Amino acid sequence: MNEDFLWQAWCDGCARPNPGHIGLGAILLGPQGGRHELSERSPHTGCNNEAEARALLATLKLARALGAAHLQVQCDSDVVVRLAQDAETTEAARLAPLFAEIRQLGAEFSRLELRWLPQHRNTAADQLARAALGLPPRAPAKPARRKR
């Protein structure tokens, strides 16, 4: 991707309880350094995978509204990253219409790259998703203890 026009995004969704209310969170960085945040409660209820997918869809919608053409989105749900790119899958059939909408909107970008990243590297988007449901930030993970 041409770095001069690249928008970057991090998105996350949460469902509380699971399944339950859905919170959406995203951070978008424009090519000139502008930062945009999304933290909203979805009108839908669902499971954690649906929450993650709805967060990706909301991120794509916001990026289009901001004029992004080249977009790299990072998400900590490997399921969402895989299913958003695989129109032939029968996995998570209940969510097929949602993933079809994601793929349709994704096709409107000149370039779109979806990447998985570990959950501990997506804390800012996670905090925004949790805040949308009135939840506090997740407690930091404790470092692993070394065995002697």
C-alpha atoms as a PDB file:
ATOM      1  CA  MET A   1       0.000   0.000   0.000  1.00  0.00           C
ATOM      2  CA  ASN A   2       1.098   3.533  -0.658  1.00  0.00           C
ATOM      3  CA  GLU A   3       1.929   4.851   2.807  1.00  0.00           C
ATOM      4  CA  ASP A   4       1.119   8.450   1.749  1.00  0.00           C
ATOM      5  CA  PHE A   5      -2.605   7.648   1.568  1.00  0.00           C
ATOM      6  CA  LEU A   6      -2.865   4.809   4.079  1.00  0.00           C
ATOM      7  CA  TRP A   7      -5.436   5.015   6.840  1.00  0.00           C
ATOM      8  CA  GLN A   8      -4.894   2.689   9.780  1.00  0.00           C
ATOM      9  CA  ALA A   9      -7.589   1.366  12.078  1.00  0.00           C
ATOM     10  CA  TRP A  10      -7.901  -0.811  15.157  1.00  0.00           C
ATOM     11  CA  CYS A  11     -11.315  -2.171  16.058  1.00  0.00           C
ATOM     12  CA  ASP A  12     -12.836  -4.288  18.806  1.00  0.00           C
ATOM     13  CA  GLY A  13     -16.243  -5.368  19.966  1.00  0.00           C
ATOM     14  CA  CYS A  14     -17.534  -6.781  23.207  1.00  0.00           C
ATOM     15  CA  ALA A  15     -20.719  -8.565  24.232  1.00  0.00           C
ATOM     16  CA  ARG A  16     -21.855  -8.385  27.854  1.00  0.00           C
ATOM     17  CA  PRO A  17     -23.072 -10.813  28.937  1.00  0.00           C
ATOM     18  CA  ASN A  18     -22.044 -13.159  26.132  1.00  0.00           C
ATOM     19  CA  PRO A  19     -24.414 -13.167  24.299  1.00  0.00           C
ATOM     20  CA  GLY A  20     -25.783  -9.799  25.271  1.00  0.00           C
ATOM     21  CA  HIS A  21     -25.451  -6.088  24.609  1.00  0.00           C
ATOM     22  CA  ILE A  22     -22.800  -5.138  22.060  1.00  0.00           C
ATOM     23  CA  GLY A  23     -20.214  -2.389  22.440  1.00  0.00           C
ATOM     24  CA  LEU A  24     -18.175  -1.154  19.479  1.00  0.00           C
ATOM     25  CA  GLY A  25     -14.784   0.511  19.605  1.00  0.00           C
ATOM     26  CA  ALA A  26     -12.380   1.751  16.953  1.00  0.00           C
ATOM     27  CA  ILE A  27      -9.498   4.104  16.394  1.00  0.00           C
ATOM     28  CA  LEU A  28      -8.688   5.436  12.941  1.00  0.00           C
ATOM     29  CA  LEU A  29      -5.516   7.287  12.073  1.00  0.00           C
ATOM     30  CA  GLY A  30      -5.494   9.326   8.880  1.00  0.00           C
ATOM     31  CA  PRO A  31      -2.478   9.589   6.582  1.00  0.00           C
ATOM     32  CA  GLN A  32      -1.807  13.104   7.867  1.00  0.00           C
ATOM     33  CA  GLY A  33      -1.964  11.978  11.508  1.00  0.00           C
ATOM     34  CA  GLY A  34      -5.570  12.855  12.343  1.00  0.00           C
ATOM     35  CA  ARG A  35      -7.108  10.582  14.982  1.00  0.00           C
ATOM     36  CA  HIS A  36     -10.771   9.556  15.068  1.00  0.00           C
ATOM     37  CA  GLU A  37     -12.413   7.398  17.727  1.00  0.00           C
ATOM     38  CA  LEU A  38     -15.609   5.376  17.767  1.00  0.00           C
ATOM     39  CA  SER A  39     -17.236   4.196  20.987  1.00  0.00           C
ATOM     40  CA  GLU A  40     -20.877   3.267  20.669  1.00  0.00           C
ATOM     41  CA  ARG A  41     -23.438   0.813  21.877  1.00  0.00           C
ATOM     42  CA  SER A  42     -24.918  -1.225  19.065  1.00  0.00           C
ATOM     43  CA  PRO A  43     -28.707  -1.466  18.810  1.00  0.00           C
ATOM     44  CA  HIS A  44     -28.159  -5.214  18.279  1.00  0.00           C
ATOM     45  CA  THR A  45     -27.504  -7.963  20.791  1.00  0.00           C
ATOM     46  CA  GLY A  46     -25.340 -10.956  20.078  1.00  0.00           C
ATOM     47  CA  CYS A  47     -22.283 -13.026  20.863  1.00  0.00           C
ATOM     48  CA  ASN A  48     -18.652 -11.961  20.976  1.00  0.00           C
ATOM     49  CA  ASN A  49     -18.077 -12.883  17.304  1.00  0.00           C
ATOM     50  CA  GLU A  50     -21.036 -10.753  16.237  1.00  0.00           C
ATOM     51  CA  ALA A  51     -19.740  -7.887  18.380  1.00  0.00           C
ATOM     52  CA  GLU A  52     -16.322  -8.104  16.697  1.00  0.00           C
ATOM     53  CA  ALA A  53     -17.913  -8.248  13.228  1.00  0.00           C
ATOM     54  CA  ARG A  54     -20.187  -5.287  13.964  1.00  0.00           C
ATOM     55  CA  ALA A  55     -17.142  -3.340  15.196  1.00  0.00           C
ATOM     56  CA  LEU A  56     -15.387  -4.054  11.892  1.00  0.00           C
ATOM     57  CA  LEU A  57     -18.460  -2.957   9.930  1.00  0.00           C
ATOM     58  CA  ALA A  58     -18.733   0.270  11.958  1.00  0.00           C
ATOM     59  CA  THR A  59     -15.017   0.908  11.386  1.00  0.00           C
ATOM     60  CA  LEU A  60     -15.398   0.490   7.623  1.00  0.00           C
ATOM     61  CA  LYS A  61     -18.415   2.836   7.606  1.00  0.00           C
ATOM     62  CA  LEU A  62     -16.536   5.492   9.559  1.00  0.00           C
ATOM     63  CA  ALA A  63     -13.469   5.172   7.325  1.00  0.00           C
ATOM     64  CA  ARG A  64     -15.614   5.642   4.201  1.00  0.00           C
ATOM     65  CA  ALA A  65     -17.340   8.660   5.765  1.00  0.00           C
ATOM     66  CA  LEU A  66     -13.910  10.160   6.470  1.00  0.00           C
ATOM     67  CA  GLY A  67     -12.863   9.645   2.850  1.00  0.00           C
ATOM     68  CA  ALA A  68     -10.426   6.782   3.302  1.00  0.00           C
ATOM     69  CA  ALA A  69      -9.583   4.855   0.136  1.00  0.00           C
ATOM     70  CA  HIS A  70      -6.595   2.814   1.329  1.00  0.00           C
ATOM     71  CA  LEU A  71      -7.243   1.192   4.687  1.00  0.00           C
ATOM     72  CA  GLN A  72      -5.464  -1.263   6.937  1.00  0.00           C
ATOM     73  CA  VAL A  73      -7.657  -2.610   9.757  1.00  0.00           C
ATOM     74  CA  GLN A  74      -6.317  -4.552  12.701  1.00  0.00           C
ATOM     75  CA  CYS A  75      -8.641  -6.712  14.765  1.00  0.00           C
ATOM     76  CA  ASP A  76      -7.973  -9.178  17.582  1.00  0.00           C
ATOM     77  CA  SER A  77     -10.571 -11.681  16.331  1.00  0.00           C
ATOM     78  CA  ASP A  78      -9.019 -14.222  13.988  1.00  0.00           C
ATOM     79  CA  VAL A  79     -12.543 -15.515  13.243  1.00  0.00           C
ATOM     80  CA  VAL A  80     -13.661 -12.102  11.990  1.00  0.00           C
ATOM     81  CA  VAL A  81     -10.519 -11.534   9.927  1.00  0.00           C
ATOM     82  CA  ARG A  82     -10.924 -14.954   8.271  1.00  0.00           C
ATOM     83  CA  LEU A  83     -14.674 -14.794   7.658  1.00  0.00           C
ATOM     84  CA  ALA A  84     -14.589 -11.216   6.383  1.00  0.00           C
ATOM     85  CA  GLN A  85     -12.320 -12.394   3.571  1.00  0.00           C
ATOM     86  CA  ASP A  86     -13.915 -15.778   2.753  1.00  0.00           C
ATOM     87  CA  ALA A  87     -17.221 -15.548   0.886  1.00  0.00           C
ATOM     88  CA  GLU A  88     -17.370 -19.348   0.521  1.00  0.00           C
ATOM     89  CA  THR A  89     -17.274 -20.222   4.219  1.00  0.00           C
ATOM     90  CA  THR A  90     -20.171 -21.881   6.004  1.00  0.00           C
ATOM     91  CA  GLU A  91     -18.646 -21.218   9.418  1.00  0.00           C
ATOM     92  CA  ALA A  92     -20.865 -18.948  11.556  1.00  0.00           C
ATOM     93  CA  ALA A  93     -23.736 -19.289   9.060  1.00  0.00           C
ATOM     94  CA  ARG A  94     -26.015 -17.204  11.316  1.00  0.00           C
ATOM     95  CA  LEU A  95     -23.703 -14.237  10.727  1.00  0.00           C
ATOM     96  CA  ALA A  96     -23.383 -14.751   6.946  1.00  0.00           C
ATOM     97  CA  PRO A  97     -25.478 -11.651   6.059  1.00  0.00           C
ATOM     98  CA  LEU A  98     -23.321  -9.499   8.346  1.00  0.00           C
ATOM     99  CA  PHE A  99     -20.100 -10.776   6.761  1.00  0.00           C
ATOM    100  CA  ALA A 100     -21.593 -10.280   3.282  1.00  0.00           C
ATOM    101  CA  GLU A 101     -22.256  -6.634   4.211  1.00  0.00           C
ATOM    102  CA  ILE A 102     -18.677  -6.297   5.454  1.00  0.00           C
ATOM    103  CA  ARG A 103     -17.302  -7.718   2.191  1.00  0.00           C
ATOM    104  CA  GLN A 104     -19.591  -5.487   0.107  1.00  0.00           C
ATOM    105  CA  LEU A 105     -18.498  -2.351   1.952  1.00  0.00           C
ATOM    106  CA  GLY A 106     -14.870  -3.484   1.889  1.00  0.00           C
ATOM    107  CA  ALA A 107     -15.018  -3.704  -1.905  1.00  0.00           C
ATOM    108  CA  GLU A 108     -15.663   0.058  -2.021  1.00  0.00           C
ATOM    109  CA  PHE A 109     -12.101   0.764  -0.863  1.00  0.00           C
ATOM    110  CA  SER A 110      -9.306   0.996  -3.431  1.00  0.00           C
ATOM    111  CA  ARG A 111      -7.282  -1.167  -1.077  1.00  0.00           C
ATOM    112  CA  LEU A 112      -8.318  -2.891   2.123  1.00  0.00           C
ATOM    113  CA  GLU A 113      -6.105  -5.045   4.287  1.00  0.00           C
ATOM    114  CA  LEU A 114      -7.430  -6.889   7.334  1.00  0.00           C
ATOM    115  CA  ARG A 115      -4.912  -8.106   9.888  1.00  0.00           C
ATOM    116  CA  TRP A 116      -5.189 -10.084  13.085  1.00  0.00           C
ATOM    117  CA  LEU A 117      -3.263  -8.852  16.106  1.00  0.00           C
ATOM    118  CA  PRO A 118      -3.054 -10.229  19.644  1.00  0.00           C
ATOM    119  CA  GLN A 119      -5.609  -8.936  22.125  1.00  0.00           C
ATOM    120  CA  HIS A 120      -2.948  -7.343  24.347  1.00  0.00           C
ATOM    121  CA  ARG A 121      -1.951  -5.096  21.408  1.00  0.00           C
ATOM    122  CA  ASN A 122      -5.518  -3.847  20.886  1.00  0.00           C
ATOM    123  CA  THR A 123      -6.214  -2.356  24.306  1.00  0.00           C
ATOM    124  CA  ALA A 124      -7.241   1.128  23.128  1.00  0.00           C
ATOM    125  CA  ALA A 125     -10.005  -0.202  20.853  1.00  0.00           C
ATOM    126  CA  ASP A 126     -11.023  -2.664  23.591  1.00  0.00           C
ATOM    127  CA  GLN A 127     -11.374   0.189  26.097  1.00  0.00           C
ATOM    128  CA  LEU A 128     -13.604   2.110  23.675  1.00  0.00           C
ATOM    129  CA  ALA A 129     -15.835  -0.948  23.107  1.00  0.00           C
ATOM    130  CA  ARG A 130     -16.124  -1.581  26.839  1.00  0.00           C
ATOM    131  CA  ALA A 131     -16.782   2.115  27.573  1.00  0.00           C
ATOM    132  CA  ALA A 132     -19.715   2.025  25.134  1.00  0.00           C
ATOM    133  CA  LEU A 133     -21.372  -0.426  27.541  1.00  0.00           C
ATOM    134  CA  GLY A 134     -20.344   1.470  30.663  1.00  0.00           C
ATOM    135  CA  LEU A 135     -17.688  -1.101  31.559  1.00  0.00           C
ATOM    136  CA  PRO A 136     -14.311  -0.220  33.054  1.00  0.00           C
ATOM    137  CA  PRO A 137     -11.103  -0.969  31.152  1.00  0.00           C
ATOM    138  CA  ARG A 138      -9.961  -4.568  31.316  1.00  0.00           C
ATOM    139  CA  ALA A 139      -7.374  -5.252  34.016  1.00  0.00           C
ATOM    140  CA  PRO A 140      -3.864  -5.573  32.567  1.00  0.00           C
ATOM    141  CA  ALA A 141      -2.666  -9.121  32.075  1.00  0.00           C
ATOM    142  CA  LYS A 142      -0.312 -10.331  34.746  1.00  0.00           C
ATOM    143  CA  PRO A 143       3.155 -11.234  33.502  1.00  0.00           C
ATOM    144  CA  ALA A 144       3.792 -14.949  33.309  1.00  0.00           C
ATOM    145  CA  ARG A 145       5.819 -16.300  36.199  1.00  0.00           C
ATOM    146  CA  ARG A 146       8.985 -18.108  35.323  1.00  0.00           C
ATOM    147  CA  LYS A 147       9.385 -21.621  36.646  1.00  0.00           C
ATOM    148  CA  ARG A 148      12.508 -22.394  38.571  1.00  0.00           C
END
